[in-house]
């Protein structure tokens, strides 16, 4: 499919209206549906810790886990628990580790 897309999609898809869907008729789900674990690293830079009147960790970063229900698709609402007393906004960056690893040397991170 990817080979066909790269080779022919730009030319052929406009002539195939039965296969087109307008973006207003679509919704996007999470890119990764069932992760085994979701770990977050909190207070990992001093400016954000300062915004929260917290101290940035000095020995190792603070970590937390999130449920897989925290994953949403593009444009989905972010639902906050009713019991939340303090919610702060910040961007999240994710990586998916596809196999077990430990103490991976920096030069091998992308392999």
PDB file of N, CA and C in Angstrom:
ATOM      1  N   UNK A   1       0.827  -1.189   0.000  1.00  0.00           N
ATOM      2  CA  UNK A   1       0.000   0.000   0.000  1.00  0.00           C
ATOM      3  C   UNK A   1       0.872   1.254   0.000  1.00  0.00           C
ATOM      4  N   UNK A   2       1.901   1.267   0.845  1.00  0.00           N
ATOM      5  CA  UNK A   2       2.766   2.446   0.903  1.00  0.00           C
ATOM      6  C   UNK A   2       3.493   2.644  -0.417  1.00  0.00           C
ATOM      7  N   UNK A   3       3.950   1.557  -1.016  1.00  0.00           N
ATOM      8  CA  UNK A   3       4.632   1.667  -2.311  1.00  0.00           C
ATOM      9  C   UNK A   3       3.686   2.246  -3.357  1.00  0.00           C
ATOM     10  N   UNK A   4       2.427   1.771  -3.378  1.00  0.00           N
ATOM     11  CA  UNK A   4       1.446   2.316  -4.326  1.00  0.00           C
ATOM     12  C   UNK A   4       1.212   3.803  -4.048  1.00  0.00           C
ATOM     13  N   UNK A   5       1.040   4.129  -2.769  1.00  0.00           N
ATOM     14  CA  UNK A   5       0.788   5.523  -2.393  1.00  0.00           C
ATOM     15  C   UNK A   5       1.909   6.422  -2.894  1.00  0.00           C
ATOM     16  N   UNK A   6       3.138   6.030  -2.633  1.00  0.00           N
ATOM     17  CA  UNK A   6       4.283   6.840  -3.052  1.00  0.00           C
ATOM     18  C   UNK A   6       4.384   6.947  -4.567  1.00  0.00           C
ATOM     19  N   UNK A   7       3.992   5.907  -5.260  1.00  0.00           N
ATOM     20  CA  UNK A   7       4.145   5.865  -6.710  1.00  0.00           C
ATOM     21  C   UNK A   7       2.979   6.529  -7.442  1.00  0.00           C
ATOM     22  N   UNK A   8       1.729   6.318  -6.994  1.00  0.00           N
ATOM     23  CA  UNK A   8       0.580   6.682  -7.820  1.00  0.00           C
ATOM     24  C   UNK A   8      -0.490   7.545  -7.168  1.00  0.00           C
ATOM     25  N   UNK A   9      -0.473   7.708  -5.879  1.00  0.00           N
ATOM     26  CA  UNK A   9      -1.600   8.349  -5.198  1.00  0.00           C
ATOM     27  C   UNK A   9      -1.847   9.779  -5.650  1.00  0.00           C
ATOM     28  N   UNK A  10      -0.805  10.582  -5.776  1.00  0.00           N
ATOM     29  CA  UNK A  10      -1.004  11.985  -6.161  1.00  0.00           C
ATOM     30  C   UNK A  10      -1.736  12.113  -7.488  1.00  0.00           C
ATOM     31  N   UNK A  11      -1.448  11.228  -8.399  1.00  0.00           N
ATOM     32  CA  UNK A  11      -2.066  11.305  -9.725  1.00  0.00           C
ATOM     33  C   UNK A  11      -3.443  10.647  -9.760  1.00  0.00           C
ATOM     34  N   UNK A  12      -3.613   9.509  -9.110  1.00  0.00           N
ATOM     35  CA  UNK A  12      -4.838   8.728  -9.263  1.00  0.00           C
ATOM     36  C   UNK A  12      -5.952   9.085  -8.288  1.00  0.00           C
ATOM     37  N   UNK A  13      -5.638   9.460  -7.076  1.00  0.00           N
ATOM     38  CA  UNK A  13      -6.695   9.697  -6.095  1.00  0.00           C
ATOM     39  C   UNK A  13      -7.681  10.791  -6.489  1.00  0.00           C
ATOM     40  N   UNK A  14      -7.251  11.907  -7.076  1.00  0.00           N
ATOM     41  CA  UNK A  14      -8.243  12.913  -7.466  1.00  0.00           C
ATOM     42  C   UNK A  14      -9.272  12.384  -8.468  1.00  0.00           C
ATOM     43  N   UNK A  15      -8.953  11.333  -9.200  1.00  0.00           N
ATOM     44  CA  UNK A  15      -9.887  10.762 -10.177  1.00  0.00           C
ATOM     45  C   UNK A  15     -10.720   9.639  -9.567  1.00  0.00           C
ATOM     46  N   UNK A  16     -10.625   9.439  -8.268  1.00  0.00           N
ATOM     47  CA  UNK A  16     -11.337   8.354  -7.590  1.00  0.00           C
ATOM     48  C   UNK A  16     -12.186   8.924  -6.451  1.00  0.00           C
ATOM     49  N   UNK A  17     -13.227   9.714  -6.766  1.00  0.00           N
ATOM     50  CA  UNK A  17     -13.989  10.375  -5.702  1.00  0.00           C
ATOM     51  C   UNK A  17     -14.664   9.402  -4.734  1.00  0.00           C
ATOM     52  N   UNK A  18     -14.928   8.179  -5.173  1.00  0.00           N
ATOM     53  CA  UNK A  18     -15.561   7.214  -4.266  1.00  0.00           C
ATOM     54  C   UNK A  18     -14.652   6.842  -3.096  1.00  0.00           C
ATOM     55  N   UNK A  19     -13.362   7.127  -3.225  1.00  0.00           N
ATOM     56  CA  UNK A  19     -12.421   6.827  -2.151  1.00  0.00           C
ATOM     57  C   UNK A  19     -12.042   8.063  -1.341  1.00  0.00           C
ATOM     58  N   UNK A  20     -12.647   9.185  -1.641  1.00  0.00           N
ATOM     59  CA  UNK A  20     -12.274  10.393  -0.907  1.00  0.00           C
ATOM     60  C   UNK A  20     -13.277  10.660   0.214  1.00  0.00           C
ATOM     61  N   UNK A  21     -12.768  11.184   1.301  1.00  0.00           N
ATOM     62  CA  UNK A  21     -13.581  11.555   2.449  1.00  0.00           C
ATOM     63  C   UNK A  21     -13.142  12.949   2.860  1.00  0.00           C
ATOM     64  N   UNK A  22     -14.093  13.850   2.988  1.00  0.00           N
ATOM     65  CA  UNK A  22     -13.747  15.207   3.390  1.00  0.00           C
ATOM     66  C   UNK A  22     -13.309  15.205   4.847  1.00  0.00           C
ATOM     67  N   UNK A  23     -12.340  16.039   5.157  1.00  0.00           N
ATOM     68  CA  UNK A  23     -11.790  16.037   6.518  1.00  0.00           C
ATOM     69  C   UNK A  23     -12.824  16.375   7.584  1.00  0.00           C
ATOM     70  N   UNK A  24     -13.888  17.096   7.233  1.00  0.00           N
ATOM     71  CA  UNK A  24     -14.922  17.389   8.234  1.00  0.00           C
ATOM     72  C   UNK A  24     -15.764  16.155   8.548  1.00  0.00           C
ATOM     73  N   UNK A  25     -15.667  15.123   7.707  1.00  0.00           N
ATOM     74  CA  UNK A  25     -16.409  13.881   7.932  1.00  0.00           C
ATOM     75  C   UNK A  25     -15.563  12.819   8.623  1.00  0.00           C
ATOM     76  N   UNK A  26     -14.416  13.203   9.116  1.00  0.00           N
ATOM     77  CA  UNK A  26     -13.521  12.226   9.726  1.00  0.00           C
ATOM     78  C   UNK A  26     -13.235  12.587  11.177  1.00  0.00           C
ATOM     79  N   UNK A  27     -12.805  11.610  11.907  1.00  0.00           N
ATOM     80  CA  UNK A  27     -12.285  11.855  13.250  1.00  0.00           C
ATOM     81  C   UNK A  27     -11.017  11.028  13.387  1.00  0.00           C
ATOM     82  N   UNK A  28     -10.129  11.495  14.214  1.00  0.00           N
ATOM     83  CA  UNK A  28      -8.828  10.863  14.367  1.00  0.00           C
ATOM     84  C   UNK A  28      -8.716  10.250  15.753  1.00  0.00           C
ATOM     85  N   UNK A  29      -8.375   8.994  15.801  1.00  0.00           N
ATOM     86  CA  UNK A  29      -8.155   8.324  17.082  1.00  0.00           C
ATOM     87  C   UNK A  29      -6.705   8.467  17.495  1.00  0.00           C
ATOM     88  N   UNK A  30      -6.383   7.978  18.672  1.00  0.00           N
ATOM     89  CA  UNK A  30      -4.980   7.992  19.098  1.00  0.00           C
ATOM     90  C   UNK A  30      -4.119   7.193  18.129  1.00  0.00           C
ATOM     91  N   UNK A  31      -2.887   7.613  17.955  1.00  0.00           N
ATOM     92  CA  UNK A  31      -1.993   6.906  17.042  1.00  0.00           C
ATOM     93  C   UNK A  31      -1.570   5.555  17.593  1.00  0.00           C
ATOM     94  N   UNK A  32      -1.582   5.405  18.879  1.00  0.00           N
ATOM     95  CA  UNK A  32      -1.156   4.156  19.512  1.00  0.00           C
ATOM     96  C   UNK A  32      -2.233   3.790  20.518  1.00  0.00           C
ATOM     97  N   UNK A  33      -2.899   2.674  20.353  1.00  0.00           N
ATOM     98  CA  UNK A  33      -4.112   2.386  21.120  1.00  0.00           C
ATOM     99  C   UNK A  33      -3.925   1.674  22.452  1.00  0.00           C
ATOM    100  N   UNK A  34      -3.080   0.700  22.533  1.00  0.00           N
ATOM    101  CA  UNK A  34      -3.023  -0.112  23.752  1.00  0.00           C
ATOM    102  C   UNK A  34      -1.599  -0.243  24.292  1.00  0.00           C
ATOM    103  N   UNK A  35      -1.052   0.829  24.783  1.00  0.00           N
ATOM    104  CA  UNK A  35       0.305   0.720  25.342  1.00  0.00           C
ATOM    105  C   UNK A  35       0.277  -0.083  26.640  1.00  0.00           C
ATOM    106  N   UNK A  36       1.338  -0.804  26.888  1.00  0.00           N
ATOM    107  CA  UNK A  36       1.412  -1.560  28.146  1.00  0.00           C
ATOM    108  C   UNK A  36       1.611  -0.619  29.319  1.00  0.00           C
ATOM    109  N   UNK A  37       2.395   0.428  29.119  1.00  0.00           N
ATOM    110  CA  UNK A  37       2.649   1.391  30.192  1.00  0.00           C
ATOM    111  C   UNK A  37       2.796   2.777  29.576  1.00  0.00           C
ATOM    112  N   UNK A  38       2.349   3.775  30.303  1.00  0.00           N
ATOM    113  CA  UNK A  38       2.594   5.166  29.922  1.00  0.00           C
ATOM    114  C   UNK A  38       3.262   5.830  31.122  1.00  0.00           C
ATOM    115  N   UNK A  39       4.515   6.181  30.952  1.00  0.00           N
ATOM    116  CA  UNK A  39       5.270   6.866  32.006  1.00  0.00           C
ATOM    117  C   UNK A  39       5.419   8.326  31.624  1.00  0.00           C
ATOM    118  N   UNK A  40       5.245   9.199  32.574  1.00  0.00           N
ATOM    119  CA  UNK A  40       5.481  10.617  32.365  1.00  0.00           C
ATOM    120  C   UNK A  40       6.619  11.088  33.251  1.00  0.00           C
ATOM    121  N   UNK A  41       7.309  12.087  32.797  1.00  0.00           N
ATOM    122  CA  UNK A  41       8.377  12.702  33.583  1.00  0.00           C
ATOM    123  C   UNK A  41       7.915  14.113  33.925  1.00  0.00           C
ATOM    124  N   UNK A  42       7.840  14.418  35.195  1.00  0.00           N
ATOM    125  CA  UNK A  42       7.335  15.711  35.623  1.00  0.00           C
ATOM    126  C   UNK A  42       8.429  16.610  36.169  1.00  0.00           C
ATOM    127  N   UNK A  43       8.152  17.889  36.130  1.00  0.00           N
ATOM    128  CA  UNK A  43       9.081  18.898  36.654  1.00  0.00           C
ATOM    129  C   UNK A  43      10.477  18.711  36.076  1.00  0.00           C
ATOM    130  N   UNK A  44      10.533  18.400  34.796  1.00  0.00           N
ATOM    131  CA  UNK A  44      11.828  18.082  34.189  1.00  0.00           C
ATOM    132  C   UNK A  44      12.563  19.304  33.654  1.00  0.00           C
ATOM    133  N   UNK A  45      12.024  20.479  33.840  1.00  0.00           N
ATOM    134  CA  UNK A  45      12.815  21.672  33.560  1.00  0.00           C
ATOM    135  C   UNK A  45      12.459  22.757  34.576  1.00  0.00           C
ATOM    136  N   UNK A  46      13.459  23.491  34.965  1.00  0.00           N
ATOM    137  CA  UNK A  46      13.356  24.413  36.100  1.00  0.00           C
ATOM    138  C   UNK A  46      12.281  25.477  35.914  1.00  0.00           C
ATOM    139  N   UNK A  47      12.135  26.018  34.703  1.00  0.00           N
ATOM    140  CA  UNK A  47      11.162  27.092  34.491  1.00  0.00           C
ATOM    141  C   UNK A  47       9.744  26.612  34.791  1.00  0.00           C
ATOM    142  N   UNK A  48       9.405  25.406  34.373  1.00  0.00           N
ATOM    143  CA  UNK A  48       8.057  24.894  34.631  1.00  0.00           C
ATOM    144  C   UNK A  48       7.864  24.611  36.120  1.00  0.00           C
ATOM    145  N   UNK A  49       8.858  24.053  36.762  1.00  0.00           N
ATOM    146  CA  UNK A  49       8.764  23.815  38.204  1.00  0.00           C
ATOM    147  C   UNK A  49       8.530  25.138  38.929  1.00  0.00           C
ATOM    148  N   UNK A  50       9.220  26.170  38.499  1.00  0.00           N
ATOM    149  CA  UNK A  50       9.067  27.492  39.104  1.00  0.00           C
ATOM    150  C   UNK A  50       7.646  28.028  38.905  1.00  0.00           C
ATOM    151  N   UNK A  51       7.071  27.813  37.712  1.00  0.00           N
ATOM    152  CA  UNK A  51       5.690  28.242  37.448  1.00  0.00           C
ATOM    153  C   UNK A  51       4.704  27.609  38.424  1.00  0.00           C
ATOM    154  N   UNK A  52       5.031  26.418  38.889  1.00  0.00           N
ATOM    155  CA  UNK A  52       4.141  25.682  39.789  1.00  0.00           C
ATOM    156  C   UNK A  52       4.497  25.876  41.256  1.00  0.00           C
ATOM    157  N   UNK A  53       5.433  26.782  41.525  1.00  0.00           N
ATOM    158  CA  UNK A  53       5.933  26.985  42.886  1.00  0.00           C
ATOM    159  C   UNK A  53       6.479  25.685  43.478  1.00  0.00           C
ATOM    160  N   UNK A  54       7.152  24.921  42.641  1.00  0.00           N
ATOM    161  CA  UNK A  54       7.781  23.663  43.050  1.00  0.00           C
ATOM    162  C   UNK A  54       9.277  23.772  42.789  1.00  0.00           C
ATOM    163  N   UNK A  55      10.024  22.879  43.367  1.00  0.00           N
ATOM    164  CA  UNK A  55      11.457  22.793  43.088  1.00  0.00           C
ATOM    165  C   UNK A  55      11.692  21.677  42.084  1.00  0.00           C
ATOM    166  N   UNK A  56      12.551  21.933  41.120  1.00  0.00           N
ATOM    167  CA  UNK A  56      12.900  20.887  40.164  1.00  0.00           C
ATOM    168  C   UNK A  56      13.714  19.822  40.883  1.00  0.00           C
ATOM    169  N   UNK A  57      13.469  18.544  40.590  1.00  0.00           N
ATOM    170  CA  UNK A  57      14.261  17.488  41.223  1.00  0.00           C
ATOM    171  C   UNK A  57      15.737  17.653  40.893  1.00  0.00           C
ATOM    172  N   UNK A  58      16.595  17.349  41.841  1.00  0.00           N
ATOM    173  CA  UNK A  58      18.032  17.495  41.598  1.00  0.00           C
ATOM    174  C   UNK A  58      18.705  16.165  41.305  1.00  0.00           C
ATOM    175  N   UNK A  59      18.236  15.071  41.884  1.00  0.00           N
ATOM    176  CA  UNK A  59      18.894  13.779  41.679  1.00  0.00           C
ATOM    177  C   UNK A  59      18.360  13.063  40.441  1.00  0.00           C
ATOM    178  N   UNK A  60      17.063  12.921  40.349  1.00  0.00           N
ATOM    179  CA  UNK A  60      16.449  12.268  39.194  1.00  0.00           C
ATOM    180  C   UNK A  60      15.072  12.877  39.001  1.00  0.00           C
ATOM    181  N   UNK A  61      14.557  12.842  37.784  1.00  0.00           N
ATOM    182  CA  UNK A  61      13.269  13.496  37.533  1.00  0.00           C
ATOM    183  C   UNK A  61      12.114  12.788  38.250  1.00  0.00           C
ATOM    184  N   UNK A  62      11.099  13.558  38.563  1.00  0.00           N
ATOM    185  CA  UNK A  62       9.882  12.983  39.126  1.00  0.00           C
ATOM    186  C   UNK A  62       9.164  12.231  38.012  1.00  0.00           C
ATOM    187  N   UNK A  63       8.564  11.110  38.337  1.00  0.00           N
ATOM    188  CA  UNK A  63       7.856  10.355  37.303  1.00  0.00           C
ATOM    189  C   UNK A  63       6.453  10.016  37.779  1.00  0.00           C
ATOM    190  N   UNK A  64       5.596   9.741  36.830  1.00  0.00           N
ATOM    191  CA  UNK A  64       4.220   9.363  37.136  1.00  0.00           C
ATOM    192  C   UNK A  64       3.720   8.467  36.015  1.00  0.00           C
ATOM    193  N   UNK A  65       2.649   7.737  36.281  1.00  0.00           N
ATOM    194  CA  UNK A  65       2.044   6.885  35.260  1.00  0.00           C
ATOM    195  C   UNK A  65       0.689   7.460  34.877  1.00  0.00           C
ATOM    196  N   UNK A  66       0.291   7.189  33.642  1.00  0.00           N
ATOM    197  CA  UNK A  66      -1.020   7.607  33.154  1.00  0.00           C
ATOM    198  C   UNK A  66      -1.761   6.376  32.643  1.00  0.00           C
ATOM    199  N   UNK A  67      -3.084   6.372  32.732  1.00  0.00           N
ATOM    200  CA  UNK A  67      -3.836   5.255  32.164  1.00  0.00           C
ATOM    201  C   UNK A  67      -3.891   5.376  30.640  1.00  0.00           C
ATOM    202  N   UNK A  68      -4.149   4.263  29.963  1.00  0.00           N
ATOM    203  CA  UNK A  68      -4.227   4.336  28.505  1.00  0.00           C
ATOM    204  C   UNK A  68      -5.428   5.156  28.036  1.00  0.00           C
ATOM    205  N   UNK A  69      -6.386   5.401  28.912  1.00  0.00           N
ATOM    206  CA  UNK A  69      -7.516   6.257  28.548  1.00  0.00           C
ATOM    207  C   UNK A  69      -7.109   7.723  28.434  1.00  0.00           C
ATOM    208  N   UNK A  70      -5.883   8.058  28.823  1.00  0.00           N
ATOM    209  CA  UNK A  70      -5.388   9.429  28.673  1.00  0.00           C
ATOM    210  C   UNK A  70      -5.040   9.742  27.221  1.00  0.00           C
ATOM    211  N   UNK A  71      -4.909   8.719  26.387  1.00  0.00           N
ATOM    212  CA  UNK A  71      -4.591   8.939  24.977  1.00  0.00           C
ATOM    213  C   UNK A  71      -5.842   9.390  24.242  1.00  0.00           C
ATOM    214  N   UNK A  72      -5.701  10.442  23.459  1.00  0.00           N
ATOM    215  CA  UNK A  72      -6.830  10.943  22.674  1.00  0.00           C
ATOM    216  C   UNK A  72      -6.364  11.208  21.253  1.00  0.00           C
ATOM    217  N   UNK A  73      -7.309  11.375  20.364  1.00  0.00           N
ATOM    218  CA  UNK A  73      -7.000  11.695  18.984  1.00  0.00           C
ATOM    219  C   UNK A  73      -6.966  13.197  18.762  1.00  0.00           C
ATOM    220  N   UNK A  74      -6.506  13.586  17.583  1.00  0.00           N
ATOM    221  CA  UNK A  74      -6.426  14.993  17.205  1.00  0.00           C
ATOM    222  C   UNK A  74      -7.803  15.642  17.318  1.00  0.00           C
ATOM    223  N   UNK A  75      -7.880  16.742  18.040  1.00  0.00           N
ATOM    224  CA  UNK A  75      -9.127  17.488  18.161  1.00  0.00           C
ATOM    225  C   UNK A  75     -10.086  16.963  19.214  1.00  0.00           C
ATOM    226  N   UNK A  76      -9.775  15.828  19.847  1.00  0.00           N
ATOM    227  CA  UNK A  76     -10.657  15.301  20.892  1.00  0.00           C
ATOM    228  C   UNK A  76     -10.588  16.192  22.129  1.00  0.00           C
ATOM    229  N   UNK A  77     -11.681  16.265  22.886  1.00  0.00           N
ATOM    230  CA  UNK A  77     -11.641  17.070  24.111  1.00  0.00           C
ATOM    231  C   UNK A  77     -10.750  16.421  25.167  1.00  0.00           C
ATOM    232  N   UNK A  78     -10.116  17.251  25.955  1.00  0.00           N
ATOM    233  CA  UNK A  78      -9.328  16.778  27.088  1.00  0.00           C
ATOM    234  C   UNK A  78     -10.255  16.816  28.298  1.00  0.00           C
ATOM    235  N   UNK A  79     -10.582  15.664  28.811  1.00  0.00           N
ATOM    236  CA  UNK A  79     -11.518  15.581  29.932  1.00  0.00           C
ATOM    237  C   UNK A  79     -10.735  15.572  31.249  1.00  0.00           C
ATOM    238  N   UNK A  80     -11.076  16.506  32.103  1.00  0.00           N
ATOM    239  CA  UNK A  80     -10.398  16.629  33.398  1.00  0.00           C
ATOM    240  C   UNK A  80     -11.251  15.986  34.482  1.00  0.00           C
ATOM    241  N   UNK A  81     -10.647  15.239  35.373  1.00  0.00           N
ATOM    242  CA  UNK A  81     -11.417  14.644  36.473  1.00  0.00           C
ATOM    243  C   UNK A  81     -12.067  15.726  37.330  1.00  0.00           C
ATOM    244  N   UNK A  82     -13.288  15.476  37.768  1.00  0.00           N
ATOM    245  CA  UNK A  82     -14.013  16.452  38.586  1.00  0.00           C
ATOM    246  C   UNK A  82     -13.284  16.750  39.890  1.00  0.00           C
ATOM    247  N   UNK A  83     -12.519  15.804  40.383  1.00  0.00           N
ATOM    248  CA  UNK A  83     -11.816  15.990  41.655  1.00  0.00           C
ATOM    249  C   UNK A  83     -10.509  16.758  41.515  1.00  0.00           C
ATOM    250  N   UNK A  84     -10.132  17.117  40.300  1.00  0.00           N
ATOM    251  CA  UNK A  84      -8.859  17.817  40.097  1.00  0.00           C
ATOM    252  C   UNK A  84      -8.887  19.170  40.781  1.00  0.00           C
ATOM    253  N   UNK A  85      -7.878  19.430  41.584  1.00  0.00           N
ATOM    254  CA  UNK A  85      -7.785  20.714  42.265  1.00  0.00           C
ATOM    255  C   UNK A  85      -6.857  21.675  41.548  1.00  0.00           C
ATOM    256  N   UNK A  86      -5.858  21.146  40.859  1.00  0.00           N
ATOM    257  CA  UNK A  86      -4.909  22.008  40.150  1.00  0.00           C
ATOM    258  C   UNK A  86      -4.494  21.295  38.865  1.00  0.00           C
ATOM    259  N   UNK A  87      -4.788  21.930  37.756  1.00  0.00           N
ATOM    260  CA  UNK A  87      -4.436  21.368  36.453  1.00  0.00           C
ATOM    261  C   UNK A  87      -3.564  22.376  35.731  1.00  0.00           C
ATOM    262  N   UNK A  88      -2.448  21.927  35.223  1.00  0.00           N
ATOM    263  CA  UNK A  88      -1.568  22.807  34.455  1.00  0.00           C
ATOM    264  C   UNK A  88      -1.441  22.251  33.050  1.00  0.00           C
ATOM    265  N   UNK A  89      -1.252  23.133  32.108  1.00  0.00           N
ATOM    266  CA  UNK A  89      -1.107  22.699  30.728  1.00  0.00           C
ATOM    267  C   UNK A  89       0.344  22.692  30.305  1.00  0.00           C
ATOM    268  N   UNK A  90       0.727  21.649  29.610  1.00  0.00           N
ATOM    269  CA  UNK A  90       2.062  21.593  29.031  1.00  0.00           C
ATOM    270  C   UNK A  90       2.045  20.553  27.926  1.00  0.00           C
ATOM    271  N   UNK A  91       2.905  20.730  26.974  1.00  0.00           N
ATOM    272  CA  UNK A  91       2.992  19.776  25.873  1.00  0.00           C
ATOM    273  C   UNK A  91       3.615  18.471  26.321  1.00  0.00           C
ATOM    274  N   UNK A  92       3.219  17.417  25.677  1.00  0.00           N
ATOM    275  CA  UNK A  92       3.779  16.098  25.970  1.00  0.00           C
ATOM    276  C   UNK A  92       4.448  15.557  24.715  1.00  0.00           C
ATOM    277  N   UNK A  93       5.565  14.938  24.891  1.00  0.00           N
ATOM    278  CA  UNK A  93       6.297  14.290  23.815  1.00  0.00           C
ATOM    279  C   UNK A  93       6.377  12.820  24.165  1.00  0.00           C
ATOM    280  N   UNK A  94       6.092  11.958  23.211  1.00  0.00           N
ATOM    281  CA  UNK A  94       6.081  10.522  23.499  1.00  0.00           C
ATOM    282  C   UNK A  94       7.043   9.771  22.603  1.00  0.00           C
ATOM    283  N   UNK A  95       7.556   8.694  23.134  1.00  0.00           N
ATOM    284  CA  UNK A  95       8.315   7.749  22.327  1.00  0.00           C
ATOM    285  C   UNK A  95       7.725   6.371  22.585  1.00  0.00           C
ATOM    286  N   UNK A  96       7.795   5.527  21.598  1.00  0.00           N
ATOM    287  CA  UNK A  96       7.339   4.149  21.745  1.00  0.00           C
ATOM    288  C   UNK A  96       8.573   3.267  21.686  1.00  0.00           C
ATOM    289  N   UNK A  97       8.779   2.508  22.729  1.00  0.00           N
ATOM    290  CA  UNK A  97       9.910   1.583  22.764  1.00  0.00           C
ATOM    291  C   UNK A  97       9.379   0.231  22.321  1.00  0.00           C
ATOM    292  N   UNK A  98       9.840  -0.227  21.165  1.00  0.00           N
ATOM    293  CA  UNK A  98       9.283  -1.421  20.553  1.00  0.00           C
ATOM    294  C   UNK A  98       9.863  -2.733  21.034  1.00  0.00           C
ATOM    295  N   UNK A  99      10.901  -2.680  21.803  1.00  0.00           N
ATOM    296  CA  UNK A  99      11.462  -3.927  22.337  1.00  0.00           C
ATOM    297  C   UNK A  99      12.143  -3.620  23.659  1.00  0.00           C
ATOM    298  N   UNK A 100      12.355  -4.665  24.433  1.00  0.00           N
ATOM    299  CA  UNK A 100      12.994  -4.462  25.732  1.00  0.00           C
ATOM    300  C   UNK A 100      14.407  -3.947  25.545  1.00  0.00           C
ATOM    301  N   UNK A 101      14.783  -3.025  26.403  1.00  0.00           N
ATOM    302  CA  UNK A 101      16.141  -2.498  26.337  1.00  0.00           C
ATOM    303  C   UNK A 101      16.526  -1.977  27.718  1.00  0.00           C
ATOM    304  N   UNK A 102      17.811  -1.870  27.917  1.00  0.00           N
ATOM    305  CA  UNK A 102      18.308  -1.364  29.200  1.00  0.00           C
ATOM    306  C   UNK A 102      19.709  -0.815  28.976  1.00  0.00           C
ATOM    307  N   UNK A 103      19.992   0.327  29.562  1.00  0.00           N
ATOM    308  CA  UNK A 103      21.321   0.938  29.479  1.00  0.00           C
ATOM    309  C   UNK A 103      21.819   1.019  28.035  1.00  0.00           C
ATOM    310  N   UNK A 104      20.967   1.516  27.145  1.00  0.00           N
ATOM    311  CA  UNK A 104      21.320   1.619  25.724  1.00  0.00           C
ATOM    312  C   UNK A 104      22.295   2.775  25.540  1.00  0.00           C
ATOM    313  N   UNK A 105      23.442   2.542  24.904  1.00  0.00           N
ATOM    314  CA  UNK A 105      24.394   3.632  24.664  1.00  0.00           C
ATOM    315  C   UNK A 105      23.766   4.712  23.776  1.00  0.00           C
ATOM    316  N   UNK A 106      24.127   5.943  24.013  1.00  0.00           N
ATOM    317  CA  UNK A 106      23.575   7.077  23.279  1.00  0.00           C
ATOM    318  C   UNK A 106      23.639   6.871  21.764  1.00  0.00           C
ATOM    319  N   UNK A 107      24.742   6.338  21.259  1.00  0.00           N
ATOM    320  CA  UNK A 107      24.889   6.176  19.804  1.00  0.00           C
ATOM    321  C   UNK A 107      23.914   5.140  19.231  1.00  0.00           C
ATOM    322  N   UNK A 108      23.286   4.335  20.080  1.00  0.00           N
ATOM    323  CA  UNK A 108      22.337   3.319  19.608  1.00  0.00           C
ATOM    324  C   UNK A 108      20.878   3.686  19.873  1.00  0.00           C
ATOM    325  N   UNK A 109      20.594   4.868  20.368  1.00  0.00           N
ATOM    326  CA  UNK A 109      19.231   5.245  20.736  1.00  0.00           C
ATOM    327  C   UNK A 109      18.252   5.122  19.583  1.00  0.00           C
ATOM    328  N   UNK A 110      18.662   5.443  18.388  1.00  0.00           N
ATOM    329  CA  UNK A 110      17.741   5.433  17.255  1.00  0.00           C
ATOM    330  C   UNK A 110      17.681   4.094  16.533  1.00  0.00           C
ATOM    331  N   UNK A 111      18.437   3.125  16.986  1.00  0.00           N
ATOM    332  CA  UNK A 111      18.433   1.832  16.281  1.00  0.00           C
ATOM    333  C   UNK A 111      17.343   0.911  16.797  1.00  0.00           C
TER     334      UNK A 111
END
